Amino acid sequence: MGISNHELHNEFPQYKDLIDELKQNDLKFNEKFKRYAELDQEIEGLEKRDAPVGDDKLHRMKQQRAQLKDDLYQALIKNAEAS
């Protein structure tokens, strides 16, 4: 299995500047961004080390990352439309 980079700037390059702006000016967005980045790094680290982690645990972590990514994307869309 290949290891993908899920860093938010790579996932949504069209919103790069907006991501940076919201990280600085929106506390809720910044908190979710940090949780997303930490979880992404943890998942990537487990995959790179081929660490012994149960499939269920890894699957739940990936689901949580996907939910955070969706929440962040919705915030990006909302703020992009408001601009």
PDB file of N, CA and C in Angstrom:
ATOM      1  N   MET A   1       0.843  -1.177   0.000  1.00  0.00           N
ATOM      2  CA  MET A   1       0.000   0.000   0.000  1.00  0.00           C
ATOM      3  C   MET A   1       0.885   1.236   0.000  1.00  0.00           C
ATOM      4  N   GLY A   2       0.586   2.174  -0.891  1.00  0.00           N
ATOM      5  CA  GLY A   2       1.343   3.412  -0.947  1.00  0.00           C
ATOM      6  C   GLY A   2       0.923   4.362   0.163  1.00  0.00           C
ATOM      7  N   ILE A   3       1.846   5.194   0.541  1.00  0.00           N
ATOM      8  CA  ILE A   3       1.571   6.168   1.588  1.00  0.00           C
ATOM      9  C   ILE A   3       1.376   7.522   0.929  1.00  0.00           C
ATOM     10  N   SER A   4       0.210   8.096   1.124  1.00  0.00           N
ATOM     11  CA  SER A   4      -0.126   9.367   0.500  1.00  0.00           C
ATOM     12  C   SER A   4       0.087  10.511   1.477  1.00  0.00           C
ATOM     13  N   ASN A   5       0.374  11.672   0.918  1.00  0.00           N
ATOM     14  CA  ASN A   5       0.492  12.868   1.726  1.00  0.00           C
ATOM     15  C   ASN A   5      -0.879  13.539   1.747  1.00  0.00           C
ATOM     16  N   HIS A   6      -1.468  13.628   2.927  1.00  0.00           N
ATOM     17  CA  HIS A   6      -2.806  14.205   3.063  1.00  0.00           C
ATOM     18  C   HIS A   6      -2.778  15.582   3.705  1.00  0.00           C
ATOM     19  N   GLU A   7      -1.626  16.257   3.647  1.00  0.00           N
ATOM     20  CA  GLU A   7      -1.522  17.600   4.208  1.00  0.00           C
ATOM     21  C   GLU A   7      -2.583  18.471   3.536  1.00  0.00           C
ATOM     22  N   LEU A   8      -3.265  19.290   4.308  1.00  0.00           N
ATOM     23  CA  LEU A   8      -4.427  20.025   3.810  1.00  0.00           C
ATOM     24  C   LEU A   8      -4.101  20.937   2.627  1.00  0.00           C
ATOM     25  N   HIS A   9      -2.933  21.570   2.620  1.00  0.00           N
ATOM     26  CA  HIS A   9      -2.549  22.417   1.488  1.00  0.00           C
ATOM     27  C   HIS A   9      -2.415  21.597   0.206  1.00  0.00           C
ATOM     28  N   ASN A  10      -2.012  20.335   0.328  1.00  0.00           N
ATOM     29  CA  ASN A  10      -1.913  19.457  -0.846  1.00  0.00           C
ATOM     30  C   ASN A  10      -3.281  18.958  -1.282  1.00  0.00           C
ATOM     31  N   GLU A  11      -4.161  18.749  -0.312  1.00  0.00           N
ATOM     32  CA  GLU A  11      -5.499  18.254  -0.619  1.00  0.00           C
ATOM     33  C   GLU A  11      -6.343  19.321  -1.326  1.00  0.00           C
ATOM     34  N   PHE A  12      -6.175  20.582  -0.909  1.00  0.00           N
ATOM     35  CA  PHE A  12      -6.973  21.684  -1.460  1.00  0.00           C
ATOM     36  C   PHE A  12      -6.060  22.844  -1.863  1.00  0.00           C
ATOM     37  N   PRO A  13      -5.239  22.658  -2.894  1.00  0.00           N
ATOM     38  CA  PRO A  13      -4.294  23.721  -3.272  1.00  0.00           C
ATOM     39  C   PRO A  13      -4.986  25.016  -3.696  1.00  0.00           C
ATOM     40  N   GLN A  14      -6.202  24.919  -4.187  1.00  0.00           N
ATOM     41  CA  GLN A  14      -6.938  26.111  -4.604  1.00  0.00           C
ATOM     42  C   GLN A  14      -7.310  27.000  -3.418  1.00  0.00           C
ATOM     43  N   TYR A  15      -7.250  26.460  -2.204  1.00  0.00           N
ATOM     44  CA  TYR A  15      -7.590  27.217  -0.999  1.00  0.00           C
ATOM     45  C   TYR A  15      -6.373  27.488  -0.115  1.00  0.00           C
ATOM     46  N   LYS A  16      -5.182  27.397  -0.672  1.00  0.00           N
ATOM     47  CA  LYS A  16      -3.957  27.551   0.108  1.00  0.00           C
ATOM     48  C   LYS A  16      -3.953  28.842   0.930  1.00  0.00           C
ATOM     49  N   ASP A  17      -4.225  29.956   0.301  1.00  0.00           N
ATOM     50  CA  ASP A  17      -4.211  31.244   1.006  1.00  0.00           C
ATOM     51  C   ASP A  17      -5.330  31.330   2.048  1.00  0.00           C
ATOM     52  N   LEU A  18      -6.494  30.801   1.701  1.00  0.00           N
ATOM     53  CA  LEU A  18      -7.619  30.826   2.636  1.00  0.00           C
ATOM     54  C   LEU A  18      -7.331  29.944   3.851  1.00  0.00           C
ATOM     55  N   ILE A  19      -6.697  28.809   3.651  1.00  0.00           N
ATOM     56  CA  ILE A  19      -6.313  27.937   4.767  1.00  0.00           C
ATOM     57  C   ILE A  19      -5.416  28.706   5.726  1.00  0.00           C
ATOM     58  N   ASP A  20      -4.407  29.379   5.175  1.00  0.00           N
ATOM     59  CA  ASP A  20      -3.478  30.148   6.015  1.00  0.00           C
ATOM     60  C   ASP A  20      -4.209  31.270   6.758  1.00  0.00           C
ATOM     61  N   GLU A  21      -5.129  31.938   6.071  1.00  0.00           N
ATOM     62  CA  GLU A  21      -5.881  33.027   6.689  1.00  0.00           C
ATOM     63  C   GLU A  21      -6.758  32.508   7.829  1.00  0.00           C
ATOM     64  N   LEU A  22      -7.466  31.411   7.579  1.00  0.00           N
ATOM     65  CA  LEU A  22      -8.356  30.870   8.603  1.00  0.00           C
ATOM     66  C   LEU A  22      -7.582  30.292   9.789  1.00  0.00           C
ATOM     67  N   LYS A  23      -6.416  29.735   9.532  1.00  0.00           N
ATOM     68  CA  LYS A  23      -5.598  29.226  10.640  1.00  0.00           C
ATOM     69  C   LYS A  23      -5.256  30.359  11.609  1.00  0.00           C
ATOM     70  N   GLN A  24      -5.071  31.545  11.088  1.00  0.00           N
ATOM     71  CA  GLN A  24      -4.701  32.690  11.918  1.00  0.00           C
ATOM     72  C   GLN A  24      -5.901  33.393  12.538  1.00  0.00           C
ATOM     73  N   ASN A  25      -7.032  33.398  11.831  1.00  0.00           N
ATOM     74  CA  ASN A  25      -8.144  34.247  12.246  1.00  0.00           C
ATOM     75  C   ASN A  25      -9.380  33.506  12.763  1.00  0.00           C
ATOM     76  N   ASP A  26      -9.408  32.184  12.649  1.00  0.00           N
ATOM     77  CA  ASP A  26     -10.591  31.418  13.052  1.00  0.00           C
ATOM     78  C   ASP A  26     -10.150  30.321  14.019  1.00  0.00           C
ATOM     79  N   LEU A  27     -10.434  30.520  15.297  1.00  0.00           N
ATOM     80  CA  LEU A  27      -9.973  29.598  16.330  1.00  0.00           C
ATOM     81  C   LEU A  27     -10.502  28.186  16.111  1.00  0.00           C
ATOM     82  N   LYS A  28     -11.776  28.066  15.777  1.00  0.00           N
ATOM     83  CA  LYS A  28     -12.383  26.746  15.560  1.00  0.00           C
ATOM     84  C   LYS A  28     -11.707  26.030  14.373  1.00  0.00           C
ATOM     85  N   PHE A  29     -11.501  26.756  13.290  1.00  0.00           N
ATOM     86  CA  PHE A  29     -10.833  26.173  12.121  1.00  0.00           C
ATOM     87  C   PHE A  29      -9.415  25.745  12.507  1.00  0.00           C
ATOM     88  N   ASN A  30      -8.704  26.588  13.214  1.00  0.00           N
ATOM     89  CA  ASN A  30      -7.328  26.299  13.599  1.00  0.00           C
ATOM     90  C   ASN A  30      -7.250  25.047  14.480  1.00  0.00           C
ATOM     91  N   GLU A  31      -8.180  24.899  15.410  1.00  0.00           N
ATOM     92  CA  GLU A  31      -8.193  23.716  16.276  1.00  0.00           C
ATOM     93  C   GLU A  31      -8.420  22.447  15.457  1.00  0.00           C
ATOM     94  N   LYS A  32      -9.380  22.489  14.539  1.00  0.00           N
ATOM     95  CA  LYS A  32      -9.633  21.318  13.687  1.00  0.00           C
ATOM     96  C   LYS A  32      -8.443  21.050  12.774  1.00  0.00           C
ATOM     97  N   PHE A  33      -7.844  22.114  12.265  1.00  0.00           N
ATOM     98  CA  PHE A  33      -6.674  21.962  11.402  1.00  0.00           C
ATOM     99  C   PHE A  33      -5.552  21.248  12.155  1.00  0.00           C
ATOM    100  N   LYS A  34      -5.313  21.676  13.385  1.00  0.00           N
ATOM    101  CA  LYS A  34      -4.253  21.046  14.192  1.00  0.00           C
ATOM    102  C   LYS A  34      -4.563  19.584  14.469  1.00  0.00           C
ATOM    103  N   ARG A  35      -5.815  19.275  14.820  1.00  0.00           N
ATOM    104  CA  ARG A  35      -6.194  17.876  15.066  1.00  0.00           C
ATOM    105  C   ARG A  35      -6.023  17.043  13.800  1.00  0.00           C
ATOM    106  N   TYR A  36      -6.435  17.614  12.663  1.00  0.00           N
ATOM    107  CA  TYR A  36      -6.288  16.919  11.383  1.00  0.00           C
ATOM    108  C   TYR A  36      -4.811  16.638  11.090  1.00  0.00           C
ATOM    109  N   ALA A  37      -3.965  17.659  11.253  1.00  0.00           N
ATOM    110  CA  ALA A  37      -2.536  17.506  10.952  1.00  0.00           C
ATOM    111  C   ALA A  37      -1.880  16.489  11.878  1.00  0.00           C
ATOM    112  N   GLU A  38      -2.210  16.525  13.156  1.00  0.00           N
ATOM    113  CA  GLU A  38      -1.638  15.572  14.110  1.00  0.00           C
ATOM    114  C   GLU A  38      -2.069  14.147  13.788  1.00  0.00           C
ATOM    115  N   LEU A  39      -3.342  13.963  13.498  1.00  0.00           N
ATOM    116  CA  LEU A  39      -3.854  12.642  13.160  1.00  0.00           C
ATOM    117  C   LEU A  39      -3.229  12.142  11.863  1.00  0.00           C
ATOM    118  N   ASP A  40      -3.103  13.023  10.886  1.00  0.00           N
ATOM    119  CA  ASP A  40      -2.489  12.646   9.614  1.00  0.00           C
ATOM    120  C   ASP A  40      -1.043  12.198   9.817  1.00  0.00           C
ATOM    121  N   GLN A  41      -0.303  12.933  10.635  1.00  0.00           N
ATOM    122  CA  GLN A  41       1.093  12.558  10.908  1.00  0.00           C
ATOM    123  C   GLN A  41       1.169  11.225  11.636  1.00  0.00           C
ATOM    124  N   GLU A  42       0.251  10.996  12.566  1.00  0.00           N
ATOM    125  CA  GLU A  42       0.232   9.726  13.295  1.00  0.00           C
ATOM    126  C   GLU A  42      -0.047   8.560  12.351  1.00  0.00           C
ATOM    127  N   ILE A  43      -1.019   8.725  11.472  1.00  0.00           N
ATOM    128  CA  ILE A  43      -1.358   7.672  10.505  1.00  0.00           C
ATOM    129  C   ILE A  43      -0.176   7.424   9.573  1.00  0.00           C
ATOM    130  N   GLU A  44       0.406   8.497   9.051  1.00  0.00           N
ATOM    131  CA  GLU A  44       1.548   8.364   8.139  1.00  0.00           C
ATOM    132  C   GLU A  44       2.714   7.669   8.835  1.00  0.00           C
ATOM    133  N   GLY A  45       2.970   8.024  10.090  1.00  0.00           N
ATOM    134  CA  GLY A  45       4.050   7.397  10.840  1.00  0.00           C
ATOM    135  C   GLY A  45       3.817   5.908  11.033  1.00  0.00           C
ATOM    136  N   LEU A  46       2.585   5.533  11.352  1.00  0.00           N
ATOM    137  CA  LEU A  46       2.260   4.111  11.519  1.00  0.00           C
ATOM    138  C   LEU A  46       2.449   3.356  10.210  1.00  0.00           C
ATOM    139  N   GLU A  47       2.027   3.972   9.112  1.00  0.00           N
ATOM    140  CA  GLU A  47       2.155   3.323   7.806  1.00  0.00           C
ATOM    141  C   GLU A  47       3.617   3.196   7.390  1.00  0.00           C
ATOM    142  N   LYS A  48       4.412   4.241   7.628  1.00  0.00           N
ATOM    143  CA  LYS A  48       5.826   4.205   7.234  1.00  0.00           C
ATOM    144  C   LYS A  48       6.615   3.180   8.034  1.00  0.00           C
ATOM    145  N   ARG A  49       6.320   3.095   9.323  1.00  0.00           N
ATOM    146  CA  ARG A  49       7.042   2.156  10.181  1.00  0.00           C
ATOM    147  C   ARG A  49       6.476   0.755  10.074  1.00  0.00           C
ATOM    148  N   ASP A  50       5.351   0.634   9.370  1.00  0.00           N
ATOM    149  CA  ASP A  50       4.649  -0.641   9.299  1.00  0.00           C
ATOM    150  C   ASP A  50       4.416  -1.148  10.721  1.00  0.00           C
ATOM    151  N   ALA A  51       4.022  -0.210  11.580  1.00  0.00           N
ATOM    152  CA  ALA A  51       3.833  -0.495  12.997  1.00  0.00           C
ATOM    153  C   ALA A  51       2.681  -1.467  13.207  1.00  0.00           C
ATOM    154  N   PRO A  52       2.819  -2.296  14.214  1.00  0.00           N
ATOM    155  CA  PRO A  52       1.733  -3.238  14.502  1.00  0.00           C
ATOM    156  C   PRO A  52       0.545  -2.509  15.136  1.00  0.00           C
ATOM    157  N   VAL A  53      -0.423  -2.228  14.334  1.00  0.00           N
ATOM    158  CA  VAL A  53      -1.645  -1.584  14.808  1.00  0.00           C
ATOM    159  C   VAL A  53      -2.803  -2.345  14.175  1.00  0.00           C
ATOM    160  N   GLY A  54      -3.835  -2.564  14.950  1.00  0.00           N
ATOM    161  CA  GLY A  54      -4.972  -3.310  14.426  1.00  0.00           C
ATOM    162  C   GLY A  54      -5.637  -2.595  13.265  1.00  0.00           C
ATOM    163  N   ASP A  55      -6.124  -3.373  12.325  1.00  0.00           N
ATOM    164  CA  ASP A  55      -6.807  -2.790  11.166  1.00  0.00           C
ATOM    165  C   ASP A  55      -7.991  -1.931  11.597  1.00  0.00           C
ATOM    166  N   ASP A  56      -8.699  -2.369  12.640  1.00  0.00           N
ATOM    167  CA  ASP A  56      -9.851  -1.598  13.115  1.00  0.00           C
ATOM    168  C   ASP A  56      -9.420  -0.228  13.618  1.00  0.00           C
ATOM    169  N   LYS A  57      -8.331  -0.189  14.385  1.00  0.00           N
ATOM    170  CA  LYS A  57      -7.854   1.079  14.925  1.00  0.00           C
ATOM    171  C   LYS A  57      -7.421   2.012  13.801  1.00  0.00           C
ATOM    172  N   LEU A  58      -6.646   1.495  12.849  1.00  0.00           N
ATOM    173  CA  LEU A  58      -6.184   2.311  11.725  1.00  0.00           C
ATOM    174  C   LEU A  58      -7.375   2.803  10.904  1.00  0.00           C
ATOM    175  N   HIS A  59      -8.350   1.932  10.710  1.00  0.00           N
ATOM    176  CA  HIS A  59      -9.545   2.308   9.955  1.00  0.00           C
ATOM    177  C   HIS A  59     -10.298   3.433  10.670  1.00  0.00           C
ATOM    178  N   ARG A  60     -10.448   3.338  11.981  1.00  0.00           N
ATOM    179  CA  ARG A  60     -11.129   4.395  12.748  1.00  0.00           C
ATOM    180  C   ARG A  60     -10.357   5.708  12.669  1.00  0.00           C
ATOM    181  N   MET A  61      -9.037   5.626  12.728  1.00  0.00           N
ATOM    182  CA  MET A  61      -8.218   6.829  12.624  1.00  0.00           C
ATOM    183  C   MET A  61      -8.407   7.483  11.261  1.00  0.00           C
ATOM    184  N   LYS A  62      -8.437   6.680  10.216  1.00  0.00           N
ATOM    185  CA  LYS A  62      -8.616   7.217   8.868  1.00  0.00           C
ATOM    186  C   LYS A  62     -10.019   7.801   8.692  1.00  0.00           C
ATOM    187  N   GLN A  63     -11.021   7.181   9.318  1.00  0.00           N
ATOM    188  CA  GLN A  63     -12.378   7.730   9.260  1.00  0.00           C
ATOM    189  C   GLN A  63     -12.440   9.080   9.969  1.00  0.00           C
ATOM    190  N   GLN A  64     -11.772   9.166  11.113  1.00  0.00           N
ATOM    191  CA  GLN A  64     -11.748  10.428  11.853  1.00  0.00           C
ATOM    192  C   GLN A  64     -11.049  11.510  11.037  1.00  0.00           C
ATOM    193  N   ARG A  65      -9.938  11.144  10.375  1.00  0.00           N
ATOM    194  CA  ARG A  65      -9.230  12.112   9.531  1.00  0.00           C
ATOM    195  C   ARG A  65     -10.133  12.574   8.384  1.00  0.00           C
ATOM    196  N   ALA A  66     -10.859  11.649   7.787  1.00  0.00           N
ATOM    197  CA  ALA A  66     -11.758  12.002   6.685  1.00  0.00           C
ATOM    198  C   ALA A  66     -12.868  12.933   7.157  1.00  0.00           C
ATOM    199  N   GLN A  67     -13.389  12.699   8.355  1.00  0.00           N
ATOM    200  CA  GLN A  67     -14.439  13.572   8.888  1.00  0.00           C
ATOM    201  C   GLN A  67     -13.893  14.975   9.148  1.00  0.00           C
ATOM    202  N   LEU A  68     -12.709  15.053   9.732  1.00  0.00           N
ATOM    203  CA  LEU A  68     -12.093  16.361   9.964  1.00  0.00           C
ATOM    204  C   LEU A  68     -11.830  17.082   8.645  1.00  0.00           C
ATOM    205  N   LYS A  69     -11.348  16.336   7.652  1.00  0.00           N
ATOM    206  CA  LYS A  69     -11.078  16.933   6.347  1.00  0.00           C
ATOM    207  C   LYS A  69     -12.372  17.473   5.734  1.00  0.00           C
ATOM    208  N   ASP A  70     -13.455  16.724   5.874  1.00  0.00           N
ATOM    209  CA  ASP A  70     -14.735  17.176   5.347  1.00  0.00           C
ATOM    210  C   ASP A  70     -15.203  18.436   6.068  1.00  0.00           C
ATOM    211  N   ASP A  71     -15.058  18.454   7.401  1.00  0.00           N
ATOM    212  CA  ASP A  71     -15.442  19.645   8.175  1.00  0.00           C
ATOM    213  C   ASP A  71     -14.627  20.859   7.733  1.00  0.00           C
ATOM    214  N   LEU A  72     -13.328  20.664   7.558  1.00  0.00           N
ATOM    215  CA  LEU A  72     -12.455  21.764   7.136  1.00  0.00           C
ATOM    216  C   LEU A  72     -12.820  22.235   5.726  1.00  0.00           C
ATOM    217  N   TYR A  73     -13.112  21.300   4.842  1.00  0.00           N
ATOM    218  CA  TYR A  73     -13.502  21.651   3.473  1.00  0.00           C
ATOM    219  C   TYR A  73     -14.793  22.468   3.468  1.00  0.00           C
ATOM    220  N   GLN A  74     -15.762  22.054   4.287  1.00  0.00           N
ATOM    221  CA  GLN A  74     -17.021  22.803   4.369  1.00  0.00           C
ATOM    222  C   GLN A  74     -16.766  24.235   4.858  1.00  0.00           C
ATOM    223  N   ALA A  75     -15.864  24.384   5.818  1.00  0.00           N
ATOM    224  CA  ALA A  75     -15.515  25.727   6.308  1.00  0.00           C
ATOM    225  C   ALA A  75     -14.842  26.539   5.204  1.00  0.00           C
ATOM    226  N   LEU A  76     -13.995  25.890   4.414  1.00  0.00           N
ATOM    227  CA  LEU A  76     -13.328  26.586   3.312  1.00  0.00           C
ATOM    228  C   LEU A  76     -14.347  27.073   2.277  1.00  0.00           C
ATOM    229  N   ILE A  77     -15.266  26.196   1.917  1.00  0.00           N
ATOM    230  CA  ILE A  77     -16.302  26.574   0.942  1.00  0.00           C
ATOM    231  C   ILE A  77     -17.118  27.749   1.463  1.00  0.00           C
ATOM    232  N   LYS A  78     -17.552  27.645   2.712  1.00  0.00           N
ATOM    233  CA  LYS A  78     -18.371  28.700   3.317  1.00  0.00           C
ATOM    234  C   LYS A  78     -17.633  30.041   3.320  1.00  0.00           C
ATOM    235  N   ASN A  79     -16.367  30.010   3.696  1.00  0.00           N
ATOM    236  CA  ASN A  79     -15.597  31.263   3.749  1.00  0.00           C
ATOM    237  C   ASN A  79     -15.230  31.773   2.366  1.00  0.00           C
ATOM    238  N   ALA A  80     -15.034  30.887   1.413  1.00  0.00           N
ATOM    239  CA  ALA A  80     -14.716  31.312   0.043  1.00  0.00           C
ATOM    240  C   ALA A  80     -15.937  32.008  -0.586  1.00  0.00           C
ATOM    241  N   GLU A  81     -17.131  31.495  -0.303  1.00  0.00           N
ATOM    242  CA  GLU A  81     -18.348  32.105  -0.838  1.00  0.00           C
ATOM    243  C   GLU A  81     -18.630  33.457  -0.200  1.00  0.00           C
ATOM    244  N   ALA A  82     -18.222  33.605   1.065  1.00  0.00           N
ATOM    245  CA  ALA A  82     -18.462  34.856   1.782  1.00  0.00           C
ATOM    246  C   ALA A  82     -17.510  35.965   1.327  1.00  0.00           C
ATOM    247  N   SER A  83     -16.412  35.567   0.689  1.00  0.00           N
ATOM    248  CA  SER A  83     -15.413  36.565   0.254  1.00  0.00           C
ATOM    249  C   SER A  83     -15.841  37.300  -0.985  1.00  0.00           C
TER     250      SER A  83
END
